[in-house]
Amino acid sequence: MNVDTLITSLLTSDIASIRYKIRVNVLSEDPHSDSIKRLRDEIKRSPVVQALLSQQDDGGQLVTRSVYDKWQGAHWVLATLADIGYPEGDLNLAPIRDQLQAQWLSENYYQEFDAPSRAAAYRKTGVPVMNGRHRRCASQQANALWSILKLGLANEQTEAFVERLLHWQWPDGGWNCDKNPAACNSSFMESILPLRALSLYAEQSGNEQVSTAVARAAEIFLKRRLFLRQRDSSIIKAEFVALHYPLYWHYDILHGLKILAEAGYINDPNCSEALELLASKHIAGGGWPADKKYYRTSSESGNGCDYVDWGGTSNRTMNPWITADALFVLKSAGVIAAATA
């Protein structure tokens, strides 16, 4: 793998966010430098961002069927903007932040009740508690928290996300919305985004209680080597070893490695097999492909539609979004060295 040649090609990409990911995440350029600020302003004006914000009304909110409309609702748009290098502190996005906070911090998420069965869990509004565990899709509050923090939009309400996530954390360190009373292990899909959000909050705040919660959440993935069952080392789900971008609320090894790298756990020995598997997916032509995708591309609204074509799928052609993230992960782990300046 000629890493420098690959990086050089990505630095000439016509997608500003790809250049940003390489310069900041792989080459470790100062994200606050004048040069990177200019690049982030270019991202703000880019066709990708224009498409994502195409349904913004005069008040700045996104008008779709719901905040959680898959994948065009405000929830997903703000998370995407945070991931692709949109500038921090842009108050033009504050109305979208407010949409998320109104949705995910409503009184429903402060009401809880004991539910002895799956049927009982759906009979009331609020968060069911089964065998002492809160059955909550914590990825929703977590994705909102991470997006708001990453974009520099936190306000006095944002701390409430942290409190809710800590309140719902399971004894094994993760989260789960499974309404089966017998479920006693956390879900990868419901735990990866809380890990990401809380690790960023801990980094920004220095809160030791949150850092402890992050360590507990990381262990969910590390003790399973990011994709393997503990009992027999078999692959937990086939989709975990396929590469996708964007992940939305889903999980795969690249997403897990990326978030563990952000949280400072990428050098844990339990990451080694996932790192080797990721490296092995490099294609001869250079870079990494998208094996599968969770979206359909459409300018129309519809379940599963995204505003942006994120490169499609191929077993022969590099996907630049996946390649940029793979390079970040492998650089963070010391698997590759990037010397290109």
C-alpha atoms as a PDB file:
ATOM      1  CA  MET A   1       0.000   0.000   0.000  1.00  0.00           C
ATOM      2  CA  ASN A   2       1.553   3.298  -1.100  1.00  0.00           C
ATOM      3  CA  VAL A   3       0.014   5.510   1.547  1.00  0.00           C
ATOM      4  CA  ASP A   4       1.588   8.776   0.425  1.00  0.00           C
ATOM      5  CA  THR A   5       0.350   8.309  -3.149  1.00  0.00           C
ATOM      6  CA  LEU A   6      -3.153   7.590  -1.870  1.00  0.00           C
ATOM      7  CA  ILE A   7      -3.119  10.614   0.414  1.00  0.00           C
ATOM      8  CA  THR A   8      -1.818  12.854  -2.364  1.00  0.00           C
ATOM      9  CA  SER A   9      -4.715  11.775  -4.577  1.00  0.00           C
ATOM     10  CA  LEU A  10      -7.256  12.485  -1.839  1.00  0.00           C
ATOM     11  CA  LEU A  11      -5.747  15.922  -1.237  1.00  0.00           C
ATOM     12  CA  THR A  12      -6.776  16.822  -4.779  1.00  0.00           C
ATOM     13  CA  SER A  13     -10.366  15.637  -4.296  1.00  0.00           C
ATOM     14  CA  ASP A  14     -13.067  17.996  -5.491  1.00  0.00           C
ATOM     15  CA  ILE A  15     -14.936  17.196  -2.240  1.00  0.00           C
ATOM     16  CA  ALA A  16     -13.785  19.736   0.351  1.00  0.00           C
ATOM     17  CA  SER A  17     -14.719  17.471   3.276  1.00  0.00           C
ATOM     18  CA  ILE A  18     -12.423  14.692   2.005  1.00  0.00           C
ATOM     19  CA  ARG A  19      -9.516  17.139   1.900  1.00  0.00           C
ATOM     20  CA  TYR A  20     -10.436  18.268   5.421  1.00  0.00           C
ATOM     21  CA  LYS A  21     -10.539  14.715   6.790  1.00  0.00           C
ATOM     22  CA  ILE A  22      -7.129  13.951   5.315  1.00  0.00           C
ATOM     23  CA  ARG A  23      -5.448  17.183   6.388  1.00  0.00           C
ATOM     24  CA  VAL A  24      -6.818  17.235   9.943  1.00  0.00           C
ATOM     25  CA  ASN A  25      -7.444  13.581  10.807  1.00  0.00           C
ATOM     26  CA  VAL A  26      -4.580  11.928   8.933  1.00  0.00           C
ATOM     27  CA  LEU A  27      -1.900  14.600   8.527  1.00  0.00           C
ATOM     28  CA  SER A  28      -2.689  16.211  11.914  1.00  0.00           C
ATOM     29  CA  GLU A  29      -2.903  19.775  10.671  1.00  0.00           C
ATOM     30  CA  ASP A  30      -4.090  22.316  13.223  1.00  0.00           C
ATOM     31  CA  PRO A  31      -7.905  22.478  12.874  1.00  0.00           C
ATOM     32  CA  HIS A  32      -7.800  26.104  14.040  1.00  0.00           C
ATOM     33  CA  SER A  33      -5.226  27.304  11.521  1.00  0.00           C
ATOM     34  CA  ASP A  34      -6.227  29.957   9.009  1.00  0.00           C
ATOM     35  CA  SER A  35      -5.778  27.485   6.171  1.00  0.00           C
ATOM     36  CA  ILE A  36      -8.123  24.924   7.705  1.00  0.00           C
ATOM     37  CA  LYS A  37     -10.649  27.624   8.601  1.00  0.00           C
ATOM     38  CA  ARG A  38     -10.750  28.590   4.938  1.00  0.00           C
ATOM     39  CA  LEU A  39     -11.246  24.940   4.018  1.00  0.00           C
ATOM     40  CA  ARG A  40     -14.116  24.635   6.487  1.00  0.00           C
ATOM     41  CA  ASP A  41     -15.715  27.723   4.985  1.00  0.00           C
ATOM     42  CA  GLU A  42     -15.440  25.971   1.626  1.00  0.00           C
ATOM     43  CA  ILE A  43     -17.205  22.956   3.170  1.00  0.00           C
ATOM     44  CA  LYS A  44     -19.997  25.248   4.359  1.00  0.00           C
ATOM     45  CA  ARG A  45     -20.523  26.459   0.788  1.00  0.00           C
ATOM     46  CA  SER A  46     -20.109  23.007  -0.793  1.00  0.00           C
ATOM     47  CA  PRO A  47     -22.773  21.161  -2.826  1.00  0.00           C
ATOM     48  CA  VAL A  48     -22.877  18.463  -0.137  1.00  0.00           C
ATOM     49  CA  VAL A  49     -23.867  20.959   2.560  1.00  0.00           C
ATOM     50  CA  GLN A  50     -26.261  22.802   0.255  1.00  0.00           C
ATOM     51  CA  ALA A  51     -28.049  19.509  -0.361  1.00  0.00           C
ATOM     52  CA  LEU A  52     -28.155  18.616   3.330  1.00  0.00           C
ATOM     53  CA  LEU A  53     -29.622  21.996   4.270  1.00  0.00           C
ATOM     54  CA  SER A  54     -31.955  22.260   1.287  1.00  0.00           C
ATOM     55  CA  GLN A  55     -35.082  21.932   3.458  1.00  0.00           C
ATOM     56  CA  GLN A  56     -34.140  24.702   5.902  1.00  0.00           C
ATOM     57  CA  ASP A  57     -37.012  27.163   6.299  1.00  0.00           C
ATOM     58  CA  ASP A  58     -36.828  30.914   6.882  1.00  0.00           C
ATOM     59  CA  GLY A  59     -36.453  30.304  10.621  1.00  0.00           C
ATOM     60  CA  GLY A  60     -33.524  27.959  10.121  1.00  0.00           C
ATOM     61  CA  GLN A  61     -35.297  24.706  11.004  1.00  0.00           C
ATOM     62  CA  LEU A  62     -35.363  21.670   8.734  1.00  0.00           C
ATOM     63  CA  VAL A  63     -38.833  20.893   7.456  1.00  0.00           C
ATOM     64  CA  THR A  64     -39.245  17.141   6.949  1.00  0.00           C
ATOM     65  CA  ARG A  65     -41.768  14.577   8.113  1.00  0.00           C
ATOM     66  CA  SER A  66     -40.020  14.325  11.488  1.00  0.00           C
ATOM     67  CA  VAL A  67     -36.745  15.202  13.195  1.00  0.00           C
ATOM     68  CA  TYR A  68     -35.820  11.511  12.931  1.00  0.00           C
ATOM     69  CA  ASP A  69     -36.958  11.099   9.303  1.00  0.00           C
ATOM     70  CA  LYS A  70     -34.552   8.525   7.847  1.00  0.00           C
ATOM     71  CA  TRP A  71     -32.235   9.881   6.514  1.00  0.00           C
ATOM     72  CA  GLN A  72     -33.310  13.439   5.796  1.00  0.00           C
ATOM     73  CA  GLY A  73     -34.480  14.608   9.212  1.00  0.00           C
ATOM     74  CA  ALA A  74     -32.682  17.204  11.328  1.00  0.00           C
ATOM     75  CA  HIS A  75     -31.220  14.466  13.530  1.00  0.00           C
ATOM     76  CA  TRP A  76     -29.258  12.912  10.661  1.00  0.00           C
ATOM     77  CA  VAL A  77     -28.373  16.152   8.903  1.00  0.00           C
ATOM     78  CA  LEU A  78     -26.743  17.667  12.000  1.00  0.00           C
ATOM     79  CA  ALA A  79     -24.754  14.465  12.648  1.00  0.00           C
ATOM     80  CA  THR A  80     -23.540  14.446   9.053  1.00  0.00           C
ATOM     81  CA  LEU A  81     -22.480  18.078   9.200  1.00  0.00           C
ATOM     82  CA  ALA A  82     -20.517  17.324  12.364  1.00  0.00           C
ATOM     83  CA  ASP A  83     -18.728  14.408  10.716  1.00  0.00           C
ATOM     84  CA  ILE A  84     -17.727  16.148   7.490  1.00  0.00           C
ATOM     85  CA  GLY A  85     -15.973  19.182   8.961  1.00  0.00           C
ATOM     86  CA  TYR A  86     -18.680  21.867   8.945  1.00  0.00           C
ATOM     87  CA  PRO A  87     -17.391  24.981  10.796  1.00  0.00           C
ATOM     88  CA  GLU A  88     -17.866  25.189  14.545  1.00  0.00           C
ATOM     89  CA  GLY A  89     -20.017  27.791  16.237  1.00  0.00           C
ATOM     90  CA  ASP A  90     -22.263  28.652  13.282  1.00  0.00           C
ATOM     91  CA  LEU A  91     -25.448  29.917  14.925  1.00  0.00           C
ATOM     92  CA  ASN A  92     -27.301  29.461  11.648  1.00  0.00           C
ATOM     93  CA  LEU A  93     -27.543  25.835  12.816  1.00  0.00           C
ATOM     94  CA  ALA A  94     -28.939  26.758  16.252  1.00  0.00           C
ATOM     95  CA  PRO A  95     -32.567  26.255  15.139  1.00  0.00           C
ATOM     96  CA  ILE A  96     -31.689  22.686  14.091  1.00  0.00           C
ATOM     97  CA  ARG A  97     -29.991  22.130  17.458  1.00  0.00           C
ATOM     98  CA  ASP A  98     -33.170  23.368  19.111  1.00  0.00           C
ATOM     99  CA  GLN A  99     -35.235  20.897  17.082  1.00  0.00           C
ATOM    100  CA  LEU A 100     -33.098  18.024  18.386  1.00  0.00           C
ATOM    101  CA  GLN A 101     -33.189  19.201  21.976  1.00  0.00           C
ATOM    102  CA  ALA A 102     -36.947  19.660  21.898  1.00  0.00           C
ATOM    103  CA  GLN A 103     -37.354  16.157  20.502  1.00  0.00           C
ATOM    104  CA  TRP A 104     -34.869  14.168  22.603  1.00  0.00           C
ATOM    105  CA  LEU A 105     -35.173  16.023  25.910  1.00  0.00           C
ATOM    106  CA  SER A 106     -38.964  16.061  26.061  1.00  0.00           C
ATOM    107  CA  GLU A 107     -40.756  14.933  29.212  1.00  0.00           C
ATOM    108  CA  ASN A 108     -41.239  11.447  27.733  1.00  0.00           C
ATOM    109  CA  TYR A 109     -37.599  10.671  28.447  1.00  0.00           C
ATOM    110  CA  TYR A 110     -37.945  11.579  32.127  1.00  0.00           C
ATOM    111  CA  GLN A 111     -40.912   9.277  32.695  1.00  0.00           C
ATOM    112  CA  GLU A 112     -40.095   5.655  33.439  1.00  0.00           C
ATOM    113  CA  PHE A 113     -42.111   2.650  34.481  1.00  0.00           C
ATOM    114  CA  ASP A 114     -41.600  -1.002  35.337  1.00  0.00           C
ATOM    115  CA  ALA A 115     -42.565  -3.343  32.506  1.00  0.00           C
ATOM    116  CA  PRO A 116     -42.722  -7.099  33.194  1.00  0.00           C
ATOM    117  CA  SER A 117     -43.216  -8.059  29.524  1.00  0.00           C
ATOM    118  CA  ARG A 118     -42.621  -6.849  25.969  1.00  0.00           C
ATOM    119  CA  ALA A 119     -46.319  -6.023  25.600  1.00  0.00           C
ATOM    120  CA  ALA A 120     -46.305  -4.006  28.822  1.00  0.00           C
ATOM    121  CA  ALA A 121     -43.307  -1.995  27.604  1.00  0.00           C
ATOM    122  CA  TYR A 122     -45.420  -0.575  24.769  1.00  0.00           C
ATOM    123  CA  ARG A 123     -48.504   0.256  26.804  1.00  0.00           C
ATOM    124  CA  LYS A 124     -47.213   3.480  28.353  1.00  0.00           C
ATOM    125  CA  THR A 125     -45.377   6.585  27.259  1.00  0.00           C
ATOM    126  CA  GLY A 126     -41.907   6.893  28.700  1.00  0.00           C
ATOM    127  CA  VAL A 127     -38.884   4.679  29.277  1.00  0.00           C
ATOM    128  CA  PRO A 128     -39.631   1.093  30.321  1.00  0.00           C
ATOM    129  CA  VAL A 129     -37.456  -0.506  32.993  1.00  0.00           C
ATOM    130  CA  MET A 130     -37.130  -4.282  32.802  1.00  0.00           C
ATOM    131  CA  ASN A 131     -35.157  -6.251  35.381  1.00  0.00           C
ATOM    132  CA  GLY A 132     -33.561  -3.015  36.548  1.00  0.00           C
ATOM    133  CA  ARG A 133     -32.373  -1.961  33.070  1.00  0.00           C
ATOM    134  CA  HIS A 134     -33.680   1.029  31.136  1.00  0.00           C
ATOM    135  CA  ARG A 135     -34.777  -0.055  27.644  1.00  0.00           C
ATOM    136  CA  ARG A 136     -33.929   3.070  25.708  1.00  0.00           C
ATOM    137  CA  CYS A 137     -32.584   3.818  22.214  1.00  0.00           C
ATOM    138  CA  ALA A 138     -29.787   5.897  23.696  1.00  0.00           C
ATOM    139  CA  SER A 139     -28.180   6.306  20.270  1.00  0.00           C
ATOM    140  CA  GLN A 140     -30.766   9.032  19.634  1.00  0.00           C
ATOM    141  CA  GLN A 141     -29.817  11.250  22.559  1.00  0.00           C
ATOM    142  CA  ALA A 142     -26.150  10.390  22.030  1.00  0.00           C
ATOM    143  CA  ASN A 143     -26.050  11.314  18.357  1.00  0.00           C
ATOM    144  CA  ALA A 144     -27.709  14.634  19.154  1.00  0.00           C
ATOM    145  CA  LEU A 145     -25.226  15.304  21.963  1.00  0.00           C
ATOM    146  CA  TRP A 146     -22.196  14.467  19.827  1.00  0.00           C
ATOM    147  CA  SER A 147     -23.420  16.574  16.903  1.00  0.00           C
ATOM    148  CA  ILE A 148     -24.082  19.615  19.094  1.00  0.00           C
ATOM    149  CA  LEU A 149     -20.727  19.343  20.878  1.00  0.00           C
ATOM    150  CA  LYS A 150     -18.755  18.727  17.693  1.00  0.00           C
ATOM    151  CA  LEU A 151     -20.327  21.731  15.986  1.00  0.00           C
ATOM    152  CA  GLY A 152     -19.707  24.023  18.957  1.00  0.00           C
ATOM    153  CA  LEU A 153     -23.419  24.627  19.547  1.00  0.00           C
ATOM    154  CA  ALA A 154     -23.800  23.534  23.171  1.00  0.00           C
ATOM    155  CA  ASN A 155     -26.076  25.609  25.392  1.00  0.00           C
ATOM    156  CA  GLU A 156     -27.580  25.283  28.872  1.00  0.00           C
ATOM    157  CA  GLN A 157     -29.848  22.420  27.781  1.00  0.00           C
ATOM    158  CA  THR A 158     -27.100  20.257  26.287  1.00  0.00           C
ATOM    159  CA  GLU A 159     -25.865  18.937  29.651  1.00  0.00           C
ATOM    160  CA  ALA A 160     -29.202  17.153  30.053  1.00  0.00           C
ATOM    161  CA  PHE A 161     -28.182  14.669  27.367  1.00  0.00           C
ATOM    162  CA  VAL A 162     -25.203  13.641  29.477  1.00  0.00           C
ATOM    163  CA  GLU A 163     -27.355  13.152  32.562  1.00  0.00           C
ATOM    164  CA  ARG A 164     -29.842  10.977  30.656  1.00  0.00           C
ATOM    165  CA  LEU A 165     -27.127   8.805  29.124  1.00  0.00           C
ATOM    166  CA  LEU A 166     -25.484   8.200  32.488  1.00  0.00           C
ATOM    167  CA  HIS A 167     -28.869   7.463  34.046  1.00  0.00           C
ATOM    168  CA  TRP A 168     -29.694   4.826  31.413  1.00  0.00           C
ATOM    169  CA  GLN A 169     -26.279   3.114  31.302  1.00  0.00           C
ATOM    170  CA  TRP A 170     -26.496  -0.633  31.913  1.00  0.00           C
ATOM    171  CA  PRO A 171     -24.438  -2.580  34.464  1.00  0.00           C
ATOM    172  CA  ASP A 172     -22.181  -3.957  31.715  1.00  0.00           C
ATOM    173  CA  GLY A 173     -21.363  -0.422  30.542  1.00  0.00           C
ATOM    174  CA  GLY A 174     -23.572  -0.013  27.490  1.00  0.00           C
ATOM    175  CA  TRP A 175     -27.156   0.668  26.472  1.00  0.00           C
ATOM    176  CA  ASN A 176     -29.987  -1.310  24.883  1.00  0.00           C
ATOM    177  CA  CYS A 177     -33.582  -0.736  23.787  1.00  0.00           C
ATOM    178  CA  ASP A 178     -34.466  -4.454  23.581  1.00  0.00           C
ATOM    179  CA  LYS A 179     -37.920  -5.007  25.085  1.00  0.00           C
ATOM    180  CA  ASN A 180     -37.210  -8.686  25.795  1.00  0.00           C
ATOM    181  CA  PRO A 181     -37.097  -8.883  29.618  1.00  0.00           C
ATOM    182  CA  ALA A 182     -34.377 -11.553  29.399  1.00  0.00           C
ATOM    183  CA  ALA A 183     -31.972  -9.298  27.459  1.00  0.00           C
ATOM    184  CA  CYS A 184     -29.003  -8.636  29.724  1.00  0.00           C
ATOM    185  CA  ASN A 185     -26.202  -7.594  27.351  1.00  0.00           C
ATOM    186  CA  SER A 186     -25.837  -4.152  25.829  1.00  0.00           C
ATOM    187  CA  SER A 187     -26.340  -3.556  22.108  1.00  0.00           C
ATOM    188  CA  PHE A 188     -23.437  -2.561  19.845  1.00  0.00           C
ATOM    189  CA  MET A 189     -25.744  -0.279  17.842  1.00  0.00           C
ATOM    190  CA  GLU A 190     -27.165   1.445  20.914  1.00  0.00           C
ATOM    191  CA  SER A 191     -23.786   1.735  22.671  1.00  0.00           C
ATOM    192  CA  ILE A 192     -21.364   2.977  19.996  1.00  0.00           C
ATOM    193  CA  LEU A 193     -22.872   6.465  19.686  1.00  0.00           C
ATOM    194  CA  PRO A 194     -23.141   7.040  23.467  1.00  0.00           C
ATOM    195  CA  LEU A 195     -19.468   6.054  23.673  1.00  0.00           C
ATOM    196  CA  ARG A 196     -18.651   8.628  20.998  1.00  0.00           C
ATOM    197  CA  ALA A 197     -20.712  11.399  22.542  1.00  0.00           C
ATOM    198  CA  LEU A 198     -19.573  10.880  26.113  1.00  0.00           C
ATOM    199  CA  SER A 199     -15.918  10.592  25.122  1.00  0.00           C
ATOM    200  CA  LEU A 200     -16.128  13.962  23.346  1.00  0.00           C
ATOM    201  CA  TYR A 201     -17.911  15.469  26.341  1.00  0.00           C
ATOM    202  CA  ALA A 202     -15.250  14.083  28.695  1.00  0.00           C
ATOM    203  CA  GLU A 203     -12.508  15.482  26.464  1.00  0.00           C
ATOM    204  CA  GLN A 204     -14.086  18.933  26.421  1.00  0.00           C
ATOM    205  CA  SER A 205     -15.136  19.054  30.085  1.00  0.00           C
ATOM    206  CA  GLY A 206     -12.583  16.925  31.925  1.00  0.00           C
ATOM    207  CA  ASN A 207     -15.462  15.321  33.856  1.00  0.00           C
ATOM    208  CA  GLU A 208     -14.061  12.228  35.620  1.00  0.00           C
ATOM    209  CA  GLN A 209     -17.459  10.596  36.145  1.00  0.00           C
ATOM    210  CA  VAL A 210     -18.083  10.720  32.411  1.00  0.00           C
ATOM    211  CA  SER A 211     -14.578   9.424  31.681  1.00  0.00           C
ATOM    212  CA  THR A 212     -15.358   6.411  33.868  1.00  0.00           C
ATOM    213  CA  ALA A 213     -18.600   5.839  31.967  1.00  0.00           C
ATOM    214  CA  VAL A 214     -16.649   6.018  28.697  1.00  0.00           C
ATOM    215  CA  ALA A 215     -14.181   3.380  29.883  1.00  0.00           C
ATOM    216  CA  ARG A 216     -17.048   1.079  30.831  1.00  0.00           C
ATOM    217  CA  ALA A 217     -18.697   1.596  27.437  1.00  0.00           C
ATOM    218  CA  ALA A 218     -15.454   0.952  25.548  1.00  0.00           C
ATOM    219  CA  GLU A 219     -15.140  -2.398  27.292  1.00  0.00           C
ATOM    220  CA  ILE A 220     -18.370  -3.554  25.608  1.00  0.00           C
ATOM    221  CA  PHE A 221     -16.497  -3.515  22.297  1.00  0.00           C
ATOM    222  CA  LEU A 222     -12.989  -4.347  23.443  1.00  0.00           C
ATOM    223  CA  LYS A 223     -13.890  -7.572  25.225  1.00  0.00           C
ATOM    224  CA  ARG A 224     -15.568  -8.731  21.991  1.00  0.00           C
ATOM    225  CA  ARG A 225     -12.627  -7.557  19.853  1.00  0.00           C
ATOM    226  CA  LEU A 226     -15.100  -5.229  18.091  1.00  0.00           C
ATOM    227  CA  PHE A 227     -16.893  -7.937  16.100  1.00  0.00           C
ATOM    228  CA  LEU A 228     -16.523 -11.371  17.718  1.00  0.00           C
ATOM    229  CA  ARG A 229     -18.626 -13.305  20.216  1.00  0.00           C
ATOM    230  CA  GLN A 230     -16.937 -14.009  23.519  1.00  0.00           C
ATOM    231  CA  ARG A 231     -18.132 -17.602  23.762  1.00  0.00           C
ATOM    232  CA  ASP A 232     -16.729 -18.934  20.486  1.00  0.00           C
ATOM    233  CA  SER A 233     -15.015 -16.043  18.616  1.00  0.00           C
ATOM    234  CA  SER A 234     -17.558 -16.236  15.794  1.00  0.00           C
ATOM    235  CA  ILE A 235     -18.574 -13.072  13.937  1.00  0.00           C
ATOM    236  CA  ILE A 236     -21.485 -11.425  15.749  1.00  0.00           C
ATOM    237  CA  LYS A 237     -23.191 -10.127  12.570  1.00  0.00           C
ATOM    238  CA  ALA A 238     -22.111 -10.238   8.940  1.00  0.00           C
ATOM    239  CA  GLU A 239     -22.827  -6.509   8.562  1.00  0.00           C
ATOM    240  CA  PHE A 240     -20.207  -5.761  11.235  1.00  0.00           C
ATOM    241  CA  VAL A 241     -17.398  -6.803   8.864  1.00  0.00           C
ATOM    242  CA  ALA A 242     -18.738  -4.968   5.800  1.00  0.00           C
ATOM    243  CA  LEU A 243     -17.769  -1.321   5.270  1.00  0.00           C
ATOM    244  CA  HIS A 244     -20.434   1.387   4.995  1.00  0.00           C
ATOM    245  CA  TYR A 245     -20.647   5.191   4.931  1.00  0.00           C
ATOM    246  CA  PRO A 246     -22.633   6.795   6.445  1.00  0.00           C
ATOM    247  CA  LEU A 247     -23.456   4.422   9.314  1.00  0.00           C
ATOM    248  CA  TYR A 248     -26.410   6.446  10.695  1.00  0.00           C
ATOM    249  CA  TRP A 249     -27.324   4.305  13.757  1.00  0.00           C
ATOM    250  CA  HIS A 250     -25.685   1.119  12.442  1.00  0.00           C
ATOM    251  CA  TYR A 251     -22.311  -0.422  13.314  1.00  0.00           C
ATOM    252  CA  ASP A 252     -19.332  -1.909  11.497  1.00  0.00           C
ATOM    253  CA  ILE A 253     -15.671  -2.443  12.357  1.00  0.00           C
ATOM    254  CA  LEU A 254     -14.537   0.814  10.746  1.00  0.00           C
ATOM    255  CA  HIS A 255     -17.117   2.784  12.716  1.00  0.00           C
ATOM    256  CA  GLY A 256     -16.105   1.018  15.924  1.00  0.00           C
ATOM    257  CA  LEU A 257     -12.394   1.578  15.315  1.00  0.00           C
ATOM    258  CA  LYS A 258     -12.973   5.216  14.379  1.00  0.00           C
ATOM    259  CA  ILE A 259     -14.828   5.931  17.608  1.00  0.00           C
ATOM    260  CA  LEU A 260     -12.364   3.980  19.749  1.00  0.00           C
ATOM    261  CA  ALA A 261      -9.584   6.008  18.117  1.00  0.00           C
ATOM    262  CA  GLU A 262     -11.400   9.241  18.971  1.00  0.00           C
ATOM    263  CA  ALA A 263     -11.827   8.005  22.551  1.00  0.00           C
ATOM    264  CA  GLY A 264      -8.158   7.013  22.916  1.00  0.00           C
ATOM    265  CA  TYR A 265      -8.529   3.214  22.923  1.00  0.00           C
ATOM    266  CA  ILE A 266      -7.203   2.361  19.471  1.00  0.00           C
ATOM    267  CA  ASN A 267      -3.946   0.913  20.840  1.00  0.00           C
ATOM    268  CA  ASP A 268      -5.715  -1.583  23.072  1.00  0.00           C
ATOM    269  CA  PRO A 269      -4.601  -5.098  22.016  1.00  0.00           C
ATOM    270  CA  ASN A 270      -8.242  -6.088  21.571  1.00  0.00           C
ATOM    271  CA  CYS A 271      -8.414  -3.804  18.527  1.00  0.00           C
ATOM    272  CA  SER A 272      -5.712  -5.728  16.655  1.00  0.00           C
ATOM    273  CA  GLU A 273      -7.901  -8.249  14.821  1.00  0.00           C
ATOM    274  CA  ALA A 274     -10.330  -5.573  13.633  1.00  0.00           C
ATOM    275  CA  LEU A 275      -7.386  -3.442  12.480  1.00  0.00           C
ATOM    276  CA  GLU A 276      -5.935  -6.375  10.552  1.00  0.00           C
ATOM    277  CA  LEU A 277      -9.311  -7.053   8.950  1.00  0.00           C
ATOM    278  CA  LEU A 278      -9.701  -3.395   7.976  1.00  0.00           C
ATOM    279  CA  ALA A 279      -6.203  -3.280   6.480  1.00  0.00           C
ATOM    280  CA  SER A 280      -6.954  -6.438   4.492  1.00  0.00           C
ATOM    281  CA  LYS A 281      -9.919  -4.746   2.807  1.00  0.00           C
ATOM    282  CA  HIS A 282      -7.601  -2.321   0.992  1.00  0.00           C
ATOM    283  CA  ILE A 283      -8.089  -2.786  -2.750  1.00  0.00           C
ATOM    284  CA  ALA A 284      -5.364  -3.069  -5.362  1.00  0.00           C
ATOM    285  CA  GLY A 285      -6.331   0.167  -7.071  1.00  0.00           C
ATOM    286  CA  GLY A 286      -5.835   2.115  -3.839  1.00  0.00           C
ATOM    287  CA  GLY A 287      -8.089   2.914  -0.918  1.00  0.00           C
ATOM    288  CA  TRP A 288     -11.055   1.105   0.579  1.00  0.00           C
ATOM    289  CA  PRO A 289     -14.429   0.316  -0.992  1.00  0.00           C
ATOM    290  CA  ALA A 290     -17.950   0.580   0.374  1.00  0.00           C
ATOM    291  CA  ASP A 291     -19.176  -3.002   0.643  1.00  0.00           C
ATOM    292  CA  LYS A 292     -22.775  -2.024   1.376  1.00  0.00           C
ATOM    293  CA  LYS A 293     -24.875   1.062   2.026  1.00  0.00           C
ATOM    294  CA  TYR A 294     -27.870   1.962   4.171  1.00  0.00           C
ATOM    295  CA  TYR A 295     -29.271   4.768   1.993  1.00  0.00           C
ATOM    296  CA  ARG A 296     -30.952   5.484  -1.284  1.00  0.00           C
ATOM    297  CA  THR A 297     -30.094   8.746  -3.046  1.00  0.00           C
ATOM    298  CA  SER A 298     -32.999  10.993  -3.855  1.00  0.00           C
ATOM    299  CA  SER A 299     -33.923  14.653  -3.857  1.00  0.00           C
ATOM    300  CA  GLU A 300     -37.407  13.516  -2.890  1.00  0.00           C
ATOM    301  CA  SER A 301     -38.448  12.619   0.640  1.00  0.00           C
ATOM    302  CA  GLY A 302     -38.860   8.969   1.462  1.00  0.00           C
ATOM    303  CA  ASN A 303     -37.810   6.439   4.044  1.00  0.00           C
ATOM    304  CA  GLY A 304     -34.168   5.498   3.542  1.00  0.00           C
ATOM    305  CA  CYS A 305     -33.389   8.400   1.179  1.00  0.00           C
ATOM    306  CA  ASP A 306     -30.403  10.663   1.717  1.00  0.00           C
ATOM    307  CA  TYR A 307     -29.811  14.015   0.048  1.00  0.00           C
ATOM    308  CA  VAL A 308     -26.245  13.029  -0.855  1.00  0.00           C
ATOM    309  CA  ASP A 309     -24.729  10.197  -2.870  1.00  0.00           C
ATOM    310  CA  TRP A 310     -21.901   9.030  -0.614  1.00  0.00           C
ATOM    311  CA  GLY A 311     -20.071   7.151  -3.348  1.00  0.00           C
ATOM    312  CA  GLY A 312     -22.197   4.057  -3.746  1.00  0.00           C
ATOM    313  CA  THR A 313     -20.813   0.542  -3.431  1.00  0.00           C
ATOM    314  CA  SER A 314     -18.164  -1.355  -5.372  1.00  0.00           C
ATOM    315  CA  ASN A 315     -15.679  -4.146  -4.825  1.00  0.00           C
ATOM    316  CA  ARG A 316     -13.168  -2.543  -7.194  1.00  0.00           C
ATOM    317  CA  THR A 317     -13.452   1.222  -6.722  1.00  0.00           C
ATOM    318  CA  MET A 318     -12.351   3.263  -3.734  1.00  0.00           C
ATOM    319  CA  ASN A 319     -14.974   5.082  -1.696  1.00  0.00           C
ATOM    320  CA  PRO A 320     -13.280   8.336  -0.588  1.00  0.00           C
ATOM    321  CA  TRP A 321     -15.333   8.718   2.601  1.00  0.00           C
ATOM    322  CA  ILE A 322     -14.485   5.230   3.820  1.00  0.00           C
ATOM    323  CA  THR A 323     -10.887   5.601   2.695  1.00  0.00           C
ATOM    324  CA  ALA A 324     -10.415   8.860   4.614  1.00  0.00           C
ATOM    325  CA  ASP A 325     -11.772   7.266   7.797  1.00  0.00           C
ATOM    326  CA  ALA A 326      -9.737   4.078   7.305  1.00  0.00           C
ATOM    327  CA  LEU A 327      -6.547   6.120   6.924  1.00  0.00           C
ATOM    328  CA  PHE A 328      -7.375   8.012  10.126  1.00  0.00           C
ATOM    329  CA  VAL A 329      -7.882   4.768  12.043  1.00  0.00           C
ATOM    330  CA  LEU A 330      -4.746   3.055  10.732  1.00  0.00           C
ATOM    331  CA  LYS A 331      -2.640   6.182  11.276  1.00  0.00           C
ATOM    332  CA  SER A 332      -3.964   6.522  14.838  1.00  0.00           C
ATOM    333  CA  ALA A 333      -3.087   2.881  15.521  1.00  0.00           C
ATOM    334  CA  GLY A 334       0.427   3.236  14.084  1.00  0.00           C
ATOM    335  CA  VAL A 335      -0.315   0.659  11.388  1.00  0.00           C
ATOM    336  CA  ILE A 336       0.642   3.122   8.664  1.00  0.00           C
ATOM    337  CA  ALA A 337       2.701   6.291   8.619  1.00  0.00           C
ATOM    338  CA  ALA A 338       1.671   9.282   6.564  1.00  0.00           C
ATOM    339  CA  ALA A 339       4.632  11.460   5.616  1.00  0.00           C
ATOM    340  CA  THR A 340       2.920  13.633   3.017  1.00  0.00           C
ATOM    341  CA  ALA A 341       2.954  17.288   4.048  1.00  0.00           C
END
